[in-house]
Amino acid sequence: MAEFDLNDLEKINNKQEIIDFLVEHDIIKEKKFKEQLAYEKELKELQEKLLEIQSKVIQENKRILIIFEGRDAAGKGGAISRITEFLNPKKYRVEALPKPTEIEQGQWYFQRYFKELPNAGEIVFFDRSWYNRAVVEPVFGFCTEEQYSKFMRQVVEVEQLLQDDGIILIKIFLSISKEEQAERLQDRKDDEMKQWKLGSLDQKAQELWDAYTNYIDKMFQQTGTESSSWLEIVTDDKKAARLLAMKSIISKLENQTFENELVKNHS
């Protein structure tokens, strides 16, 4: 289907003869068009709500830390992009830390992340976080068993200390089926415009699926607490997942209960 913004979609939707013409000439499929319109409307509403919440965060000097983790190709970057699209750029940051330097390797594991914690009136998104040590590092042997065990013992206490100091912590994990992941990874290989997304570790995601599952389950069981739970969102439908991520964040920041069959709470 051709790409239209929300204004275009609404104008077309108000003119049935235009829809009929576009469908007849195979420019759009009417069902997909209606679905896209509904998605764009809800997306805009949620983005407006997030902007409203950000204004309160700024006014009240709150500190918000939102951790995004997930399987390879689950859509972390796309979800974060939609969430932040219309936020005040001066008051939010997206942090995706690279491989630790030699100096950082000799520091306490959490130290380099602490430098990126939110300031007063700021929302910070971690596109992957210290939870690399809970899943990716042990899967690929990038840490020792002792380092892994030490992290798993410390992380709950560390996050509780952050919360005790006033930081509002939200942890989101994006899940994906093995079949859908395979399709997305293959799409990245085949599309020259997407090949930059395919890292060396991503290429082993399918081969190491069961190892990932083992460590992900342990992470949920041992680091999901009542005050710092994990929200797991199934992302086989990217658009639905992005909306669910926004709704989950809004409900957390407004202290509301949000339930959906595609969102699991691990606490």
C-alpha atoms as a PDB file:
ATOM      1  CA  MET A   1       0.000   0.000   0.000  1.00  0.00           C
ATOM      2  CA  ALA A   2       1.177   3.525  -0.738  1.00  0.00           C
ATOM      3  CA  GLU A   3       2.416   5.534   2.253  1.00  0.00           C
ATOM      4  CA  PHE A   4       0.233   8.394   3.508  1.00  0.00           C
ATOM      5  CA  ASP A   5       0.374  10.533   6.613  1.00  0.00           C
ATOM      6  CA  LEU A   6      -2.611  10.824   8.956  1.00  0.00           C
ATOM      7  CA  ASN A   7      -4.024  13.914   7.220  1.00  0.00           C
ATOM      8  CA  ASP A   8      -3.882  12.161   3.843  1.00  0.00           C
ATOM      9  CA  LEU A   9      -5.568   9.081   5.248  1.00  0.00           C
ATOM     10  CA  GLU A  10      -8.392  11.069   6.828  1.00  0.00           C
ATOM     11  CA  LYS A  11      -9.021  13.056   3.634  1.00  0.00           C
ATOM     12  CA  ILE A  12      -9.151   9.885   1.563  1.00  0.00           C
ATOM     13  CA  ASN A  13     -11.375   8.166   4.119  1.00  0.00           C
ATOM     14  CA  ASN A  14     -13.938  10.973   3.809  1.00  0.00           C
ATOM     15  CA  LYS A  15     -14.215  10.460   0.051  1.00  0.00           C
ATOM     16  CA  GLN A  16     -15.501   7.002  -0.839  1.00  0.00           C
ATOM     17  CA  GLU A  17     -15.114   7.697  -4.537  1.00  0.00           C
ATOM     18  CA  ILE A  18     -11.379   8.286  -3.981  1.00  0.00           C
ATOM     19  CA  ILE A  19     -11.068   5.009  -2.082  1.00  0.00           C
ATOM     20  CA  ASP A  20     -12.916   3.210  -4.869  1.00  0.00           C
ATOM     21  CA  PHE A  21     -10.591   4.717  -7.483  1.00  0.00           C
ATOM     22  CA  LEU A  22      -7.431   3.821  -5.557  1.00  0.00           C
ATOM     23  CA  VAL A  23      -8.640   0.276  -4.929  1.00  0.00           C
ATOM     24  CA  GLU A  24      -9.713  -0.177  -8.554  1.00  0.00           C
ATOM     25  CA  HIS A  25      -6.250   0.888  -9.766  1.00  0.00           C
ATOM     26  CA  ASP A  26      -4.525  -1.326  -7.197  1.00  0.00           C
ATOM     27  CA  ILE A  27      -2.905   1.629  -5.429  1.00  0.00           C
ATOM     28  CA  ILE A  28      -4.301   0.591  -2.050  1.00  0.00           C
ATOM     29  CA  LYS A  29      -6.137  -2.320  -0.472  1.00  0.00           C
ATOM     30  CA  GLU A  30      -9.209  -1.037   1.340  1.00  0.00           C
ATOM     31  CA  LYS A  31      -8.806  -3.289   4.395  1.00  0.00           C
ATOM     32  CA  LYS A  32      -5.143  -2.343   4.809  1.00  0.00           C
ATOM     33  CA  PHE A  33      -6.052   1.291   4.302  1.00  0.00           C
ATOM     34  CA  LYS A  34      -8.622   1.167   7.125  1.00  0.00           C
ATOM     35  CA  GLU A  35      -6.143  -0.628   9.376  1.00  0.00           C
ATOM     36  CA  GLN A  36      -3.438   1.950   8.633  1.00  0.00           C
ATOM     37  CA  LEU A  37      -5.839   4.808   9.379  1.00  0.00           C
ATOM     38  CA  ALA A  38      -6.836   3.270  12.710  1.00  0.00           C
ATOM     39  CA  TYR A  39      -3.178   2.719  13.599  1.00  0.00           C
ATOM     40  CA  GLU A  40      -2.141   6.268  12.706  1.00  0.00           C
ATOM     41  CA  LYS A  41      -5.015   7.739  14.721  1.00  0.00           C
ATOM     42  CA  GLU A  42      -4.199   5.717  17.827  1.00  0.00           C
ATOM     43  CA  LEU A  43      -0.484   6.376  17.396  1.00  0.00           C
ATOM     44  CA  LYS A  44      -1.070  10.135  17.308  1.00  0.00           C
ATOM     45  CA  GLU A  45      -3.307   9.998  20.393  1.00  0.00           C
ATOM     46  CA  LEU A  46      -0.700   8.058  22.355  1.00  0.00           C
ATOM     47  CA  GLN A  47       2.132  10.339  21.209  1.00  0.00           C
ATOM     48  CA  GLU A  48       0.116  13.351  22.349  1.00  0.00           C
ATOM     49  CA  LYS A  49      -0.450  11.661  25.715  1.00  0.00           C
ATOM     50  CA  LEU A  50       3.273  10.925  26.083  1.00  0.00           C
ATOM     51  CA  LEU A  51       4.078  14.564  25.343  1.00  0.00           C
ATOM     52  CA  GLU A  52       1.582  15.605  28.009  1.00  0.00           C
ATOM     53  CA  ILE A  53       3.216  13.236  30.496  1.00  0.00           C
ATOM     54  CA  GLN A  54       6.667  14.544  29.576  1.00  0.00           C
ATOM     55  CA  SER A  55       5.506  18.082  30.378  1.00  0.00           C
ATOM     56  CA  LYS A  56       4.545  16.919  33.867  1.00  0.00           C
ATOM     57  CA  VAL A  57       7.873  15.123  34.252  1.00  0.00           C
ATOM     58  CA  ILE A  58       9.637  18.396  33.437  1.00  0.00           C
ATOM     59  CA  GLN A  59       7.443  20.509  35.695  1.00  0.00           C
ATOM     60  CA  GLU A  60       7.770  18.125  38.639  1.00  0.00           C
ATOM     61  CA  ASN A  61      11.500  17.391  38.135  1.00  0.00           C
ATOM     62  CA  LYS A  62      10.904  13.663  37.922  1.00  0.00           C
ATOM     63  CA  ARG A  63      13.549  11.228  36.701  1.00  0.00           C
ATOM     64  CA  ILE A  64      12.391   8.456  34.390  1.00  0.00           C
ATOM     65  CA  LEU A  65      14.506   5.516  33.235  1.00  0.00           C
ATOM     66  CA  ILE A  66      12.973   3.218  30.617  1.00  0.00           C
ATOM     67  CA  ILE A  67      14.941   0.071  29.799  1.00  0.00           C
ATOM     68  CA  PHE A  68      14.285  -1.631  26.463  1.00  0.00           C
ATOM     69  CA  GLU A  69      15.578  -5.162  26.057  1.00  0.00           C
ATOM     70  CA  GLY A  70      14.545  -7.882  23.636  1.00  0.00           C
ATOM     71  CA  ARG A  71      15.521 -10.553  21.189  1.00  0.00           C
ATOM     72  CA  ASP A  72      17.354  -9.627  17.998  1.00  0.00           C
ATOM     73  CA  ALA A  73      15.054  -8.101  15.344  1.00  0.00           C
ATOM     74  CA  ALA A  74      12.234  -7.659  17.865  1.00  0.00           C
ATOM     75  CA  GLY A  75      11.916  -3.960  17.017  1.00  0.00           C
ATOM     76  CA  LYS A  76      13.475  -2.049  19.908  1.00  0.00           C
ATOM     77  CA  GLY A  77      14.725   0.791  17.727  1.00  0.00           C
ATOM     78  CA  GLY A  78      11.436   1.238  15.912  1.00  0.00           C
ATOM     79  CA  ALA A  79       9.434   1.243  19.136  1.00  0.00           C
ATOM     80  CA  ILE A  80      11.716   3.815  20.763  1.00  0.00           C
ATOM     81  CA  SER A  81      11.579   6.002  17.640  1.00  0.00           C
ATOM     82  CA  ARG A  82       7.766   6.112  17.670  1.00  0.00           C
ATOM     83  CA  ILE A  83       7.662   6.776  21.411  1.00  0.00           C
ATOM     84  CA  THR A  84      10.099   9.692  21.227  1.00  0.00           C
ATOM     85  CA  GLU A  85       9.037  11.124  17.846  1.00  0.00           C
ATOM     86  CA  PHE A  86       7.289  14.215  19.232  1.00  0.00           C
ATOM     87  CA  LEU A  87       8.854  14.506  22.676  1.00  0.00           C
ATOM     88  CA  ASN A  88      10.829  17.591  23.665  1.00  0.00           C
ATOM     89  CA  PRO A  89      14.333  16.585  22.489  1.00  0.00           C
ATOM     90  CA  LYS A  90      15.984  18.710  25.169  1.00  0.00           C
ATOM     91  CA  LYS A  91      14.442  16.583  27.891  1.00  0.00           C
ATOM     92  CA  TYR A  92      14.910  13.014  26.742  1.00  0.00           C
ATOM     93  CA  ARG A  93      17.879  10.888  25.718  1.00  0.00           C
ATOM     94  CA  VAL A  94      18.299   7.513  24.047  1.00  0.00           C
ATOM     95  CA  GLU A  95      21.429   5.750  25.254  1.00  0.00           C
ATOM     96  CA  ALA A  96      22.800   2.724  23.400  1.00  0.00           C
ATOM     97  CA  LEU A  97      26.227   2.143  24.878  1.00  0.00           C
ATOM     98  CA  PRO A  98      28.868   0.497  22.677  1.00  0.00           C
ATOM     99  CA  LYS A  99      31.188  -2.312  23.675  1.00  0.00           C
ATOM    100  CA  PRO A 100      33.015  -1.326  26.905  1.00  0.00           C
ATOM    101  CA  THR A 101      36.474   0.173  26.549  1.00  0.00           C
ATOM    102  CA  GLU A 102      39.517  -1.354  28.190  1.00  0.00           C
ATOM    103  CA  ILE A 103      39.211   1.135  31.061  1.00  0.00           C
ATOM    104  CA  GLU A 104      35.494   0.389  31.501  1.00  0.00           C
ATOM    105  CA  GLN A 105      36.225  -3.333  31.605  1.00  0.00           C
ATOM    106  CA  GLY A 106      38.213  -2.699  34.780  1.00  0.00           C
ATOM    107  CA  GLN A 107      35.387  -0.753  36.448  1.00  0.00           C
ATOM    108  CA  TRP A 108      32.404  -1.942  38.461  1.00  0.00           C
ATOM    109  CA  TYR A 109      30.006  -3.308  35.851  1.00  0.00           C
ATOM    110  CA  PHE A 110      27.248  -0.745  36.496  1.00  0.00           C
ATOM    111  CA  GLN A 111      29.589   2.248  36.560  1.00  0.00           C
ATOM    112  CA  ARG A 112      29.421   3.295  32.912  1.00  0.00           C
ATOM    113  CA  TYR A 113      25.630   3.074  32.925  1.00  0.00           C
ATOM    114  CA  PHE A 114      25.329   5.281  35.986  1.00  0.00           C
ATOM    115  CA  LYS A 115      26.836   8.169  34.006  1.00  0.00           C
ATOM    116  CA  GLU A 116      23.759   8.070  31.766  1.00  0.00           C
ATOM    117  CA  LEU A 117      21.052   8.070  34.449  1.00  0.00           C
ATOM    118  CA  PRO A 118      18.306  10.699  34.063  1.00  0.00           C
ATOM    119  CA  ASN A 119      18.666  14.182  35.482  1.00  0.00           C
ATOM    120  CA  ALA A 120      15.756  16.060  37.053  1.00  0.00           C
ATOM    121  CA  GLY A 121      12.945  16.554  34.556  1.00  0.00           C
ATOM    122  CA  GLU A 122      14.400  14.057  32.096  1.00  0.00           C
ATOM    123  CA  ILE A 123      13.384  10.756  30.494  1.00  0.00           C
ATOM    124  CA  VAL A 124      16.197   8.404  29.482  1.00  0.00           C
ATOM    125  CA  PHE A 125      15.727   5.341  27.282  1.00  0.00           C
ATOM    126  CA  PHE A 126      18.298   2.550  27.461  1.00  0.00           C
ATOM    127  CA  ASP A 127      18.372   0.750  24.101  1.00  0.00           C
ATOM    128  CA  ARG A 128      19.847  -2.339  25.744  1.00  0.00           C
ATOM    129  CA  SER A 129      21.260  -1.884  29.198  1.00  0.00           C
ATOM    130  CA  TRP A 130      23.161  -3.545  32.036  1.00  0.00           C
ATOM    131  CA  TYR A 131      20.994  -6.586  31.257  1.00  0.00           C
ATOM    132  CA  ASN A 132      23.487  -7.447  28.519  1.00  0.00           C
ATOM    133  CA  ARG A 133      25.190  -9.330  31.335  1.00  0.00           C
ATOM    134  CA  ALA A 134      22.031 -11.299  32.047  1.00  0.00           C
ATOM    135  CA  VAL A 135      21.554 -12.638  28.523  1.00  0.00           C
ATOM    136  CA  VAL A 136      23.879 -11.686  25.648  1.00  0.00           C
ATOM    137  CA  GLU A 137      27.166 -11.931  27.535  1.00  0.00           C
ATOM    138  CA  PRO A 138      26.644 -15.410  29.014  1.00  0.00           C
ATOM    139  CA  VAL A 139      25.159 -16.732  25.751  1.00  0.00           C
ATOM    140  CA  PHE A 140      28.324 -15.754  23.855  1.00  0.00           C
ATOM    141  CA  GLY A 141      30.794 -16.328  26.674  1.00  0.00           C
ATOM    142  CA  PHE A 142      31.645 -12.625  27.013  1.00  0.00           C
ATOM    143  CA  CYS A 143      31.593 -12.903  30.808  1.00  0.00           C
ATOM    144  CA  THR A 144      32.589 -15.552  33.316  1.00  0.00           C
ATOM    145  CA  GLU A 145      30.108 -17.564  35.340  1.00  0.00           C
ATOM    146  CA  GLU A 146      31.291 -15.656  38.425  1.00  0.00           C
ATOM    147  CA  GLN A 147      30.644 -12.294  36.735  1.00  0.00           C
ATOM    148  CA  TYR A 148      27.201 -13.447  35.645  1.00  0.00           C
ATOM    149  CA  SER A 149      26.283 -14.701  39.118  1.00  0.00           C
ATOM    150  CA  LYS A 150      27.560 -11.509  40.754  1.00  0.00           C
ATOM    151  CA  PHE A 151      25.446  -9.385  38.417  1.00  0.00           C
ATOM    152  CA  MET A 152      22.330 -11.427  39.079  1.00  0.00           C
ATOM    153  CA  ARG A 153      22.855 -10.982  42.816  1.00  0.00           C
ATOM    154  CA  GLN A 154      23.480  -7.250  42.611  1.00  0.00           C
ATOM    155  CA  VAL A 155      21.042  -5.961  39.985  1.00  0.00           C
ATOM    156  CA  VAL A 156      17.869  -6.183  42.086  1.00  0.00           C
ATOM    157  CA  GLU A 157      19.512  -4.287  44.924  1.00  0.00           C
ATOM    158  CA  VAL A 158      20.986  -1.700  42.552  1.00  0.00           C
ATOM    159  CA  GLU A 159      17.606  -1.035  40.946  1.00  0.00           C
ATOM    160  CA  GLN A 160      15.958  -0.781  44.353  1.00  0.00           C
ATOM    161  CA  LEU A 161      18.533   1.820  45.398  1.00  0.00           C
ATOM    162  CA  LEU A 162      17.795   3.831  42.250  1.00  0.00           C
ATOM    163  CA  GLN A 163      14.080   3.691  42.957  1.00  0.00           C
ATOM    164  CA  ASP A 164      14.605   4.600  46.610  1.00  0.00           C
ATOM    165  CA  ASP A 165      16.410   7.707  45.373  1.00  0.00           C
ATOM    166  CA  GLY A 166      13.366   8.690  43.308  1.00  0.00           C
ATOM    167  CA  ILE A 167      14.092   7.312  39.848  1.00  0.00           C
ATOM    168  CA  ILE A 168      11.016   5.821  38.189  1.00  0.00           C
ATOM    169  CA  LEU A 169      12.140   2.614  36.477  1.00  0.00           C
ATOM    170  CA  ILE A 170      10.268   0.860  33.668  1.00  0.00           C
ATOM    171  CA  LYS A 171      11.619  -2.361  32.130  1.00  0.00           C
ATOM    172  CA  ILE A 172      10.269  -3.577  28.787  1.00  0.00           C
ATOM    173  CA  PHE A 173      11.276  -6.762  26.998  1.00  0.00           C
ATOM    174  CA  LEU A 174      10.258  -7.234  23.359  1.00  0.00           C
ATOM    175  CA  SER A 175       9.666 -10.863  22.428  1.00  0.00           C
ATOM    176  CA  ILE A 176       9.327 -12.360  18.965  1.00  0.00           C
ATOM    177  CA  SER A 177       8.564 -15.823  17.646  1.00  0.00           C
ATOM    178  CA  LYS A 178      11.420 -17.832  16.188  1.00  0.00           C
ATOM    179  CA  GLU A 179       9.706 -17.922  12.789  1.00  0.00           C
ATOM    180  CA  GLU A 180       9.133 -14.169  12.639  1.00  0.00           C
ATOM    181  CA  GLN A 181      12.687 -13.487  13.759  1.00  0.00           C
ATOM    182  CA  ALA A 182      14.006 -15.688  10.952  1.00  0.00           C
ATOM    183  CA  GLU A 183      11.963 -13.729   8.390  1.00  0.00           C
ATOM    184  CA  ARG A 184      13.143 -10.355   9.674  1.00  0.00           C
ATOM    185  CA  LEU A 185      16.789 -11.390   9.783  1.00  0.00           C
ATOM    186  CA  GLN A 186      16.548 -12.710   6.231  1.00  0.00           C
ATOM    187  CA  ASP A 187      14.902  -9.465   5.146  1.00  0.00           C
ATOM    188  CA  ARG A 188      17.854  -7.559   6.572  1.00  0.00           C
ATOM    189  CA  LYS A 189      20.283  -9.734   4.647  1.00  0.00           C
ATOM    190  CA  ASP A 190      18.378  -9.241   1.382  1.00  0.00           C
ATOM    191  CA  ASP A 191      17.698  -5.501   1.661  1.00  0.00           C
ATOM    192  CA  GLU A 192      20.761  -3.309   1.098  1.00  0.00           C
ATOM    193  CA  MET A 193      19.060  -0.471   2.985  1.00  0.00           C
ATOM    194  CA  LYS A 194      18.697  -2.663   6.087  1.00  0.00           C
ATOM    195  CA  GLN A 195      21.976  -4.572   6.100  1.00  0.00           C
ATOM    196  CA  TRP A 196      23.492  -2.125   8.588  1.00  0.00           C
ATOM    197  CA  LYS A 197      21.025  -3.479  11.152  1.00  0.00           C
ATOM    198  CA  LEU A 198      22.497  -6.971  10.919  1.00  0.00           C
ATOM    199  CA  GLY A 199      25.314  -7.326  13.429  1.00  0.00           C
ATOM    200  CA  SER A 200      27.604 -10.311  13.862  1.00  0.00           C
ATOM    201  CA  LEU A 201      25.696 -11.468  16.948  1.00  0.00           C
ATOM    202  CA  ASP A 202      22.315 -11.127  15.229  1.00  0.00           C
ATOM    203  CA  GLN A 203      23.364 -13.719  12.667  1.00  0.00           C
ATOM    204  CA  LYS A 204      23.593 -16.351  15.434  1.00  0.00           C
ATOM    205  CA  ALA A 205      20.241 -15.513  17.015  1.00  0.00           C
ATOM    206  CA  GLN A 206      18.469 -18.453  15.410  1.00  0.00           C
ATOM    207  CA  GLU A 207      21.259 -20.931  16.081  1.00  0.00           C
ATOM    208  CA  LEU A 208      21.392 -19.919  19.759  1.00  0.00           C
ATOM    209  CA  TRP A 209      17.629 -19.508  20.234  1.00  0.00           C
ATOM    210  CA  ASP A 210      17.366 -22.059  23.060  1.00  0.00           C
ATOM    211  CA  ALA A 211      20.366 -20.626  24.927  1.00  0.00           C
ATOM    212  CA  TYR A 212      18.794 -17.163  24.728  1.00  0.00           C
ATOM    213  CA  THR A 213      15.489 -18.570  26.000  1.00  0.00           C
ATOM    214  CA  ASN A 214      17.204 -20.156  28.999  1.00  0.00           C
ATOM    215  CA  TYR A 215      18.872 -16.932  30.109  1.00  0.00           C
ATOM    216  CA  ILE A 216      15.812 -14.782  29.353  1.00  0.00           C
ATOM    217  CA  ASP A 217      13.675 -17.018  31.582  1.00  0.00           C
ATOM    218  CA  LYS A 218      16.247 -16.765  34.375  1.00  0.00           C
ATOM    219  CA  MET A 219      16.322 -12.977  33.992  1.00  0.00           C
ATOM    220  CA  PHE A 220      12.542 -12.720  34.339  1.00  0.00           C
ATOM    221  CA  GLN A 221      12.484 -15.052  37.338  1.00  0.00           C
ATOM    222  CA  GLN A 222      15.365 -13.490  39.261  1.00  0.00           C
ATOM    223  CA  THR A 223      15.189  -9.787  38.371  1.00  0.00           C
ATOM    224  CA  GLY A 224      11.469  -9.172  38.006  1.00  0.00           C
ATOM    225  CA  THR A 225      10.257  -7.895  41.360  1.00  0.00           C
ATOM    226  CA  GLU A 226       7.064  -6.261  42.607  1.00  0.00           C
ATOM    227  CA  SER A 227       8.678  -2.817  42.468  1.00  0.00           C
ATOM    228  CA  SER A 228      10.727  -3.502  39.320  1.00  0.00           C
ATOM    229  CA  SER A 229       8.770  -5.899  37.131  1.00  0.00           C
ATOM    230  CA  TRP A 230       9.367  -6.798  33.503  1.00  0.00           C
ATOM    231  CA  LEU A 231       6.739  -6.016  30.884  1.00  0.00           C
ATOM    232  CA  GLU A 232       7.099  -8.549  28.074  1.00  0.00           C
ATOM    233  CA  ILE A 233       5.479  -7.571  24.762  1.00  0.00           C
ATOM    234  CA  VAL A 234       5.078  -9.885  21.774  1.00  0.00           C
ATOM    235  CA  THR A 235       6.168  -8.029  18.622  1.00  0.00           C
ATOM    236  CA  ASP A 236       5.279 -10.311  15.701  1.00  0.00           C
ATOM    237  CA  ASP A 237       2.865  -7.495  14.771  1.00  0.00           C
ATOM    238  CA  LYS A 238       5.213  -4.488  14.903  1.00  0.00           C
ATOM    239  CA  LYS A 239       2.545  -1.811  14.833  1.00  0.00           C
ATOM    240  CA  ALA A 240       0.437  -3.405  17.563  1.00  0.00           C
ATOM    241  CA  ALA A 241       3.575  -3.878  19.672  1.00  0.00           C
ATOM    242  CA  ARG A 242       4.550  -0.211  19.378  1.00  0.00           C
ATOM    243  CA  LEU A 243       1.108   0.862  20.530  1.00  0.00           C
ATOM    244  CA  LEU A 244       1.238  -1.604  23.425  1.00  0.00           C
ATOM    245  CA  ALA A 245       4.659  -0.321  24.485  1.00  0.00           C
ATOM    246  CA  MET A 246       3.302   3.232  24.577  1.00  0.00           C
ATOM    247  CA  LYS A 247       0.207   2.184  26.516  1.00  0.00           C
ATOM    248  CA  SER A 248       2.353   0.250  28.988  1.00  0.00           C
ATOM    249  CA  ILE A 249       4.605   3.253  29.622  1.00  0.00           C
ATOM    250  CA  ILE A 250       1.636   5.594  29.997  1.00  0.00           C
ATOM    251  CA  SER A 251      -0.084   3.255  32.439  1.00  0.00           C
ATOM    252  CA  LYS A 252       3.098   2.895  34.511  1.00  0.00           C
ATOM    253  CA  LEU A 253       3.704   6.651  34.672  1.00  0.00           C
ATOM    254  CA  GLU A 254       0.072   7.305  35.553  1.00  0.00           C
ATOM    255  CA  ASN A 255      -0.044   4.437  38.075  1.00  0.00           C
ATOM    256  CA  GLN A 256      -2.814   2.689  36.200  1.00  0.00           C
ATOM    257  CA  THR A 257      -3.463  -0.989  35.544  1.00  0.00           C
ATOM    258  CA  PHE A 258      -2.986  -2.072  31.936  1.00  0.00           C
ATOM    259  CA  GLU A 259      -3.776  -5.562  30.753  1.00  0.00           C
ATOM    260  CA  ASN A 260      -3.439  -7.110  27.305  1.00  0.00           C
ATOM    261  CA  GLU A 261      -2.983 -10.690  26.202  1.00  0.00           C
ATOM    262  CA  LEU A 262       0.207  -9.723  24.333  1.00  0.00           C
ATOM    263  CA  VAL A 263       1.734  -8.098  27.434  1.00  0.00           C
ATOM    264  CA  LYS A 264       3.046 -10.285  30.276  1.00  0.00           C
ATOM    265  CA  ASN A 265       4.071  -8.907  33.645  1.00  0.00           C
ATOM    266  CA  HIS A 266       7.033 -10.709  35.206  1.00  0.00           C
ATOM    267  CA  SER A 267       7.330  -9.820  38.900  1.00  0.00           C
END
